[in-house]
Amino acid sequence: MKLYAGGHLTFYMPGRKHSLEISLREPTPLREILAQLGIPLPEVALTALNGELVEAETAIVRDEDQVKVFSAVNGG
């Protein structure tokens, strides 16, 4: 699967990159993948799976999927 992180979530990505390729052998809950990367689920405000909005807590991803996660917009 390809994971794209937007906003401050890149802080948790290896090398602080915006995207990452992850090989999956079987369908896997997205929350487990995010936990392995150290991305706190409460910081994920928006999740898209293959262009469709989904809940990060319940989404199941497969090797061929494209996932985008975004943090809430902060400003001052």
PDB file of N, CA and C in Angstrom:
ATOM      1  N   MET A   1       0.834  -1.177   0.000  1.00  0.00           N
ATOM      2  CA  MET A   1       0.000   0.000   0.000  1.00  0.00           C
ATOM      3  C   MET A   1       0.874   1.233   0.000  1.00  0.00           C
ATOM      4  N   LYS A   2       0.306   2.310  -0.458  1.00  0.00           N
ATOM      5  CA  LYS A   2       1.027   3.575  -0.416  1.00  0.00           C
ATOM      6  C   LYS A   2       0.324   4.459   0.599  1.00  0.00           C
ATOM      7  N   LEU A   3       1.089   4.972   1.551  1.00  0.00           N
ATOM      8  CA  LEU A   3       0.565   5.841   2.597  1.00  0.00           C
ATOM      9  C   LEU A   3       1.120   7.238   2.394  1.00  0.00           C
ATOM     10  N   TYR A   4       0.220   8.219   2.344  1.00  0.00           N
ATOM     11  CA  TYR A   4       0.596   9.619   2.251  1.00  0.00           C
ATOM     12  C   TYR A   4       0.156  10.304   3.537  1.00  0.00           C
ATOM     13  N   ALA A   5       1.048  11.068   4.154  1.00  0.00           N
ATOM     14  CA  ALA A   5       0.720  11.801   5.378  1.00  0.00           C
ATOM     15  C   ALA A   5       0.796  13.293   5.100  1.00  0.00           C
ATOM     16  N   GLY A   6      -0.250  14.006   5.474  1.00  0.00           N
ATOM     17  CA  GLY A   6      -0.290  15.444   5.275  1.00  0.00           C
ATOM     18  C   GLY A   6      -0.304  16.186   6.600  1.00  0.00           C
ATOM     19  N   GLY A   7      -0.022  17.475   6.530  1.00  0.00           N
ATOM     20  CA  GLY A   7       0.017  18.287   7.743  1.00  0.00           C
ATOM     21  C   GLY A   7       1.196  17.893   8.602  1.00  0.00           C
ATOM     22  N   HIS A   8       1.034  18.023   9.902  1.00  0.00           N
ATOM     23  CA  HIS A   8       2.158  17.726  10.798  1.00  0.00           C
ATOM     24  C   HIS A   8       2.378  16.218  10.990  1.00  0.00           C
ATOM     25  N   LEU A   9       1.549  15.365  10.371  1.00  0.00           N
ATOM     26  CA  LEU A   9       1.732  13.917  10.511  1.00  0.00           C
ATOM     27  C   LEU A   9       3.033  13.430   9.879  1.00  0.00           C
ATOM     28  N   THR A  10       3.627  14.237   8.997  1.00  0.00           N
ATOM     29  CA  THR A  10       4.919  13.850   8.419  1.00  0.00           C
ATOM     30  C   THR A  10       5.989  13.742   9.496  1.00  0.00           C
ATOM     31  N   PHE A  11       5.784  14.413  10.626  1.00  0.00           N
ATOM     32  CA  PHE A  11       6.727  14.329  11.746  1.00  0.00           C
ATOM     33  C   PHE A  11       6.934  12.876  12.183  1.00  0.00           C
ATOM     34  N   TYR A  12       5.895  12.055  12.068  1.00  0.00           N
ATOM     35  CA  TYR A  12       5.960  10.657  12.513  1.00  0.00           C
ATOM     36  C   TYR A  12       6.462   9.695  11.436  1.00  0.00           C
ATOM     37  N   MET A  13       6.518  10.137  10.203  1.00  0.00           N
ATOM     38  CA  MET A  13       6.912   9.261   9.100  1.00  0.00           C
ATOM     39  C   MET A  13       8.429   9.053   9.107  1.00  0.00           C
ATOM     40  N   PRO A  14       8.874   7.851   8.720  1.00  0.00           N
ATOM     41  CA  PRO A  14      10.316   7.607   8.622  1.00  0.00           C
ATOM     42  C   PRO A  14      10.974   8.643   7.695  1.00  0.00           C
ATOM     43  N   GLY A  15      12.009   9.277   8.175  1.00  0.00           N
ATOM     44  CA  GLY A  15      12.702  10.301   7.403  1.00  0.00           C
ATOM     45  C   GLY A  15      11.869  11.550   7.197  1.00  0.00           C
ATOM     46  N   ARG A  16      10.749  11.636   7.916  1.00  0.00           N
ATOM     47  CA  ARG A  16       9.814  12.760   7.809  1.00  0.00           C
ATOM     48  C   ARG A  16       9.362  13.018   6.374  1.00  0.00           C
ATOM     49  N   LYS A  17       9.237  11.926   5.617  1.00  0.00           N
ATOM     50  CA  LYS A  17       8.763  12.015   4.237  1.00  0.00           C
ATOM     51  C   LYS A  17       7.243  12.083   4.219  1.00  0.00           C
ATOM     52  N   HIS A  18       6.711  12.522   3.107  1.00  0.00           N
ATOM     53  CA  HIS A  18       5.264  12.634   2.956  1.00  0.00           C
ATOM     54  C   HIS A  18       4.608  11.319   2.570  1.00  0.00           C
ATOM     55  N   SER A  19       5.366  10.413   1.944  1.00  0.00           N
ATOM     56  CA  SER A  19       4.760   9.157   1.518  1.00  0.00           C
ATOM     57  C   SER A  19       5.687   7.975   1.802  1.00  0.00           C
ATOM     58  N   LEU A  20       5.053   6.808   1.827  1.00  0.00           N
ATOM     59  CA  LEU A  20       5.764   5.590   2.203  1.00  0.00           C
ATOM     60  C   LEU A  20       5.076   4.398   1.554  1.00  0.00           C
ATOM     61  N   GLU A  21       5.848   3.483   1.017  1.00  0.00           N
ATOM     62  CA  GLU A  21       5.321   2.223   0.468  1.00  0.00           C
ATOM     63  C   GLU A  21       5.432   1.157   1.545  1.00  0.00           C
ATOM     64  N   ILE A  22       4.340   0.460   1.800  1.00  0.00           N
ATOM     65  CA  ILE A  22       4.303  -0.600   2.804  1.00  0.00           C
ATOM     66  C   ILE A  22       3.749  -1.859   2.149  1.00  0.00           C
ATOM     67  N   SER A  23       4.469  -2.965   2.243  1.00  0.00           N
ATOM     68  CA  SER A  23       3.987  -4.231   1.690  1.00  0.00           C
ATOM     69  C   SER A  23       3.111  -4.933   2.720  1.00  0.00           C
ATOM     70  N   LEU A  24       1.920  -5.326   2.273  1.00  0.00           N
ATOM     71  CA  LEU A  24       0.989  -6.038   3.143  1.00  0.00           C
ATOM     72  C   LEU A  24       0.721  -7.426   2.561  1.00  0.00           C
ATOM     73  N   ARG A  25       0.801  -8.441   3.387  1.00  0.00           N
ATOM     74  CA  ARG A  25       0.524  -9.811   2.943  1.00  0.00           C
ATOM     75  C   ARG A  25      -0.963 -10.126   2.981  1.00  0.00           C
ATOM     76  N   GLU A  26      -1.667  -9.426   3.860  1.00  0.00           N
ATOM     77  CA  GLU A  26      -3.100  -9.672   4.022  1.00  0.00           C
ATOM     78  C   GLU A  26      -3.779  -8.370   4.420  1.00  0.00           C
ATOM     79  N   PRO A  27      -5.104  -8.299   4.264  1.00  0.00           N
ATOM     80  CA  PRO A  27      -5.812  -7.092   4.695  1.00  0.00           C
ATOM     81  C   PRO A  27      -5.499  -6.787   6.165  1.00  0.00           C
ATOM     82  N   THR A  28      -5.228  -5.516   6.436  1.00  0.00           N
ATOM     83  CA  THR A  28      -4.764  -5.098   7.757  1.00  0.00           C
ATOM     84  C   THR A  28      -5.527  -3.855   8.207  1.00  0.00           C
ATOM     85  N   PRO A  29      -5.928  -3.789   9.475  1.00  0.00           N
ATOM     86  CA  PRO A  29      -6.560  -2.561   9.966  1.00  0.00           C
ATOM     87  C   PRO A  29      -5.585  -1.382   9.871  1.00  0.00           C
ATOM     88  N   LEU A  30      -6.060  -0.283   9.342  1.00  0.00           N
ATOM     89  CA  LEU A  30      -5.217   0.909   9.205  1.00  0.00           C
ATOM     90  C   LEU A  30      -4.706   1.367  10.555  1.00  0.00           C
ATOM     91  N   ARG A  31      -5.519   1.252  11.591  1.00  0.00           N
ATOM     92  CA  ARG A  31      -5.095   1.704  12.926  1.00  0.00           C
ATOM     93  C   ARG A  31      -3.828   0.965  13.374  1.00  0.00           C
ATOM     94  N   GLU A  32      -3.668  -0.315  12.977  1.00  0.00           N
ATOM     95  CA  GLU A  32      -2.462  -1.072  13.333  1.00  0.00           C
ATOM     96  C   GLU A  32      -1.239  -0.528  12.598  1.00  0.00           C
ATOM     97  N   ILE A  33      -1.405  -0.191  11.341  1.00  0.00           N
ATOM     98  CA  ILE A  33      -0.293   0.362  10.559  1.00  0.00           C
ATOM     99  C   ILE A  33       0.135   1.708  11.136  1.00  0.00           C
ATOM    100  N   LEU A  34      -0.843   2.549  11.444  1.00  0.00           N
ATOM    101  CA  LEU A  34      -0.526   3.855  12.025  1.00  0.00           C
ATOM    102  C   LEU A  34       0.171   3.696  13.372  1.00  0.00           C
ATOM    103  N   ALA A  35      -0.276   2.742  14.174  1.00  0.00           N
ATOM    104  CA  ALA A  35       0.346   2.497  15.481  1.00  0.00           C
ATOM    105  C   ALA A  35       1.799   2.046  15.308  1.00  0.00           C
ATOM    106  N   GLN A  36       2.065   1.186  14.332  1.00  0.00           N
ATOM    107  CA  GLN A  36       3.433   0.724  14.092  1.00  0.00           C
ATOM    108  C   GLN A  36       4.347   1.872  13.684  1.00  0.00           C
ATOM    109  N   LEU A  37       3.789   2.859  12.991  1.00  0.00           N
ATOM    110  CA  LEU A  37       4.574   4.026  12.574  1.00  0.00           C
ATOM    111  C   LEU A  37       4.683   5.070  13.677  1.00  0.00           C
ATOM    112  N   GLY A  38       3.893   4.909  14.733  1.00  0.00           N
ATOM    113  CA  GLY A  38       3.905   5.871  15.826  1.00  0.00           C
ATOM    114  C   GLY A  38       3.012   7.074  15.579  1.00  0.00           C
ATOM    115  N   ILE A  39       2.093   6.963  14.615  1.00  0.00           N
ATOM    116  CA  ILE A  39       1.169   8.062  14.331  1.00  0.00           C
ATOM    117  C   ILE A  39      -0.023   7.928  15.273  1.00  0.00           C
ATOM    118  N   PRO A  40      -0.219   8.880  16.185  1.00  0.00           N
ATOM    119  CA  PRO A  40      -1.333   8.801  17.126  1.00  0.00           C
ATOM    120  C   PRO A  40      -2.677   8.946  16.404  1.00  0.00           C
ATOM    121  N   LEU A  41      -3.544   7.984  16.575  1.00  0.00           N
ATOM    122  CA  LEU A  41      -4.842   7.995  15.920  1.00  0.00           C
ATOM    123  C   LEU A  41      -5.644   9.267  16.206  1.00  0.00           C
ATOM    124  N   PRO A  42      -5.613   9.808  17.433  1.00  0.00           N
ATOM    125  CA  PRO A  42      -6.364  11.039  17.691  1.00  0.00           C
ATOM    126  C   PRO A  42      -5.879  12.249  16.872  1.00  0.00           C
ATOM    127  N   GLU A  43      -4.674  12.178  16.322  1.00  0.00           N
ATOM    128  CA  GLU A  43      -4.153  13.292  15.537  1.00  0.00           C
ATOM    129  C   GLU A  43      -4.543  13.203  14.066  1.00  0.00           C
ATOM    130  N   VAL A  44      -5.162  12.091  13.676  1.00  0.00           N
ATOM    131  CA  VAL A  44      -5.614  11.924  12.297  1.00  0.00           C
ATOM    132  C   VAL A  44      -7.034  12.476  12.199  1.00  0.00           C
ATOM    133  N   ALA A  45      -7.178  13.582  11.477  1.00  0.00           N
ATOM    134  CA  ALA A  45      -8.481  14.248  11.366  1.00  0.00           C
ATOM    135  C   ALA A  45      -9.261  13.781  10.142  1.00  0.00           C
ATOM    136  N   LEU A  46      -8.568  13.365   9.088  1.00  0.00           N
ATOM    137  CA  LEU A  46      -9.209  13.001   7.838  1.00  0.00           C
ATOM    138  C   LEU A  46      -8.443  11.850   7.203  1.00  0.00           C
ATOM    139  N   THR A  47      -9.179  10.851   6.722  1.00  0.00           N
ATOM    140  CA  THR A  47      -8.559   9.685   6.097  1.00  0.00           C
ATOM    141  C   THR A  47      -9.270   9.370   4.787  1.00  0.00           C
ATOM    142  N   ALA A  48      -8.490   9.161   3.729  1.00  0.00           N
ATOM    143  CA  ALA A  48      -9.055   8.766   2.441  1.00  0.00           C
ATOM    144  C   ALA A  48      -8.420   7.439   2.023  1.00  0.00           C
ATOM    145  N   LEU A  49      -9.262   6.498   1.633  1.00  0.00           N
ATOM    146  CA  LEU A  49      -8.822   5.191   1.149  1.00  0.00           C
ATOM    147  C   LEU A  49      -9.255   5.097  -0.300  1.00  0.00           C
ATOM    148  N   ASN A  50      -8.281   5.099  -1.219  1.00  0.00           N
ATOM    149  CA  ASN A  50      -8.553   5.068  -2.653  1.00  0.00           C
ATOM    150  C   ASN A  50      -9.527   6.177  -3.068  1.00  0.00           C
ATOM    151  N   GLY A  51      -9.355   7.357  -2.480  1.00  0.00           N
ATOM    152  CA  GLY A  51     -10.152   8.510  -2.838  1.00  0.00           C
ATOM    153  C   GLY A  51     -11.486   8.635  -2.118  1.00  0.00           C
ATOM    154  N   GLU A  52     -11.821   7.684  -1.259  1.00  0.00           N
ATOM    155  CA  GLU A  52     -13.083   7.713  -0.513  1.00  0.00           C
ATOM    156  C   GLU A  52     -12.796   8.027   0.948  1.00  0.00           C
ATOM    157  N   LEU A  53     -13.571   8.926   1.547  1.00  0.00           N
ATOM    158  CA  LEU A  53     -13.393   9.231   2.967  1.00  0.00           C
ATOM    159  C   LEU A  53     -13.811   8.028   3.811  1.00  0.00           C
ATOM    160  N   VAL A  54     -12.963   7.676   4.776  1.00  0.00           N
ATOM    161  CA  VAL A  54     -13.219   6.546   5.675  1.00  0.00           C
ATOM    162  C   VAL A  54     -12.805   6.940   7.091  1.00  0.00           C
ATOM    163  N   GLU A  55     -13.192   6.120   8.043  1.00  0.00           N
ATOM    164  CA  GLU A  55     -12.762   6.297   9.432  1.00  0.00           C
ATOM    165  C   GLU A  55     -11.460   5.522   9.634  1.00  0.00           C
ATOM    166  N   ALA A  56     -10.438   6.182  10.128  1.00  0.00           N
ATOM    167  CA  ALA A  56      -9.142   5.530  10.336  1.00  0.00           C
ATOM    168  C   ALA A  56      -9.256   4.376  11.333  1.00  0.00           C
ATOM    169  N   GLU A  57     -10.169   4.491  12.289  1.00  0.00           N
ATOM    170  CA  GLU A  57     -10.323   3.468  13.327  1.00  0.00           C
ATOM    171  C   GLU A  57     -10.847   2.145  12.775  1.00  0.00           C
ATOM    172  N   THR A  58     -11.635   2.202  11.693  1.00  0.00           N
ATOM    173  CA  THR A  58     -12.290   0.993  11.200  1.00  0.00           C
ATOM    174  C   THR A  58     -11.833   0.548   9.812  1.00  0.00           C
ATOM    175  N   ALA A  59     -11.030   1.361   9.126  1.00  0.00           N
ATOM    176  CA  ALA A  59     -10.614   1.042   7.756  1.00  0.00           C
ATOM    177  C   ALA A  59      -9.694  -0.180   7.722  1.00  0.00           C
ATOM    178  N   ILE A  60      -9.936  -1.027   6.732  1.00  0.00           N
ATOM    179  CA  ILE A  60      -9.090  -2.191   6.461  1.00  0.00           C
ATOM    180  C   ILE A  60      -8.409  -1.925   5.122  1.00  0.00           C
ATOM    181  N   VAL A  61      -7.089  -2.058   5.076  1.00  0.00           N
ATOM    182  CA  VAL A  61      -6.349  -1.764   3.851  1.00  0.00           C
ATOM    183  C   VAL A  61      -5.692  -3.011   3.294  1.00  0.00           C
ATOM    184  N   ARG A  62      -5.509  -2.980   1.974  1.00  0.00           N
ATOM    185  CA  ARG A  62      -4.878  -4.086   1.252  1.00  0.00           C
ATOM    186  C   ARG A  62      -3.622  -3.564   0.558  1.00  0.00           C
ATOM    187  N   ASP A  63      -2.814  -4.466   0.081  1.00  0.00           N
ATOM    188  CA  ASP A  63      -1.528  -4.102  -0.500  1.00  0.00           C
ATOM    189  C   ASP A  63      -1.650  -3.119  -1.670  1.00  0.00           C
ATOM    190  N   GLU A  64      -2.712  -3.218  -2.449  1.00  0.00           N
ATOM    191  CA  GLU A  64      -2.861  -2.367  -3.635  1.00  0.00           C
ATOM    192  C   GLU A  64      -3.502  -1.007  -3.337  1.00  0.00           C
ATOM    193  N   ASP A  65      -3.849  -0.747  -2.086  1.00  0.00           N
ATOM    194  CA  ASP A  65      -4.559   0.477  -1.719  1.00  0.00           C
ATOM    195  C   ASP A  65      -3.650   1.696  -1.615  1.00  0.00           C
ATOM    196  N   GLN A  66      -4.299   2.855  -1.752  1.00  0.00           N
ATOM    197  CA  GLN A  66      -3.641   4.139  -1.538  1.00  0.00           C
ATOM    198  C   GLN A  66      -4.392   4.829  -0.398  1.00  0.00           C
ATOM    199  N   VAL A  67      -3.655   5.198   0.649  1.00  0.00           N
ATOM    200  CA  VAL A  67      -4.245   5.811   1.836  1.00  0.00           C
ATOM    201  C   VAL A  67      -3.623   7.176   2.053  1.00  0.00           C
ATOM    202  N   LYS A  68      -4.483   8.144   2.354  1.00  0.00           N
ATOM    203  CA  LYS A  68      -4.010   9.494   2.686  1.00  0.00           C
ATOM    204  C   LYS A  68      -4.579   9.863   4.048  1.00  0.00           C
ATOM    205  N   VAL A  69      -3.705  10.300   4.939  1.00  0.00           N
ATOM    206  CA  VAL A  69      -4.137  10.744   6.272  1.00  0.00           C
ATOM    207  C   VAL A  69      -3.673  12.186   6.464  1.00  0.00           C
ATOM    208  N   PHE A  70      -4.557  12.978   7.102  1.00  0.00           N
ATOM    209  CA  PHE A  70      -4.264  14.389   7.304  1.00  0.00           C
ATOM    210  C   PHE A  70      -4.555  14.775   8.747  1.00  0.00           C
ATOM    211  N   SER A  71      -3.754  15.681   9.245  1.00  0.00           N
ATOM    212  CA  SER A  71      -4.011  16.247  10.577  1.00  0.00           C
ATOM    213  C   SER A  71      -4.988  17.406  10.422  1.00  0.00           C
ATOM    214  N   ALA A  72      -5.524  17.854  11.526  1.00  0.00           N
ATOM    215  CA  ALA A  72      -6.377  19.040  11.510  1.00  0.00           C
ATOM    216  C   ALA A  72      -5.514  20.248  11.173  1.00  0.00           C
ATOM    217  N   VAL A  73      -6.110  21.236  10.563  1.00  0.00           N
ATOM    218  CA  VAL A  73      -5.394  22.461  10.221  1.00  0.00           C
ATOM    219  C   VAL A  73      -5.267  23.312  11.467  1.00  0.00           C
ATOM    220  N   ASN A  74      -4.061  23.735  11.748  1.00  0.00           N
ATOM    221  CA  ASN A  74      -3.812  24.597  12.902  1.00  0.00           C
ATOM    222  C   ASN A  74      -3.297  25.936  12.415  1.00  0.00           C
ATOM    223  N   GLY A  75      -3.600  26.946  13.132  1.00  0.00           N
ATOM    224  CA  GLY A  75      -3.109  28.264  12.739  1.00  0.00           C
ATOM    225  C   GLY A  75      -3.217  29.239  13.902  1.00  0.00           C
ATOM    226  N   GLY A  76      -2.688  30.394  13.711  1.00  0.00           N
ATOM    227  CA  GLY A  76      -2.747  31.352  14.799  1.00  0.00           C
ATOM    228  C   GLY A  76      -2.794  32.756  14.324  1.00  0.00           C
TER     229      GLY A  76
END
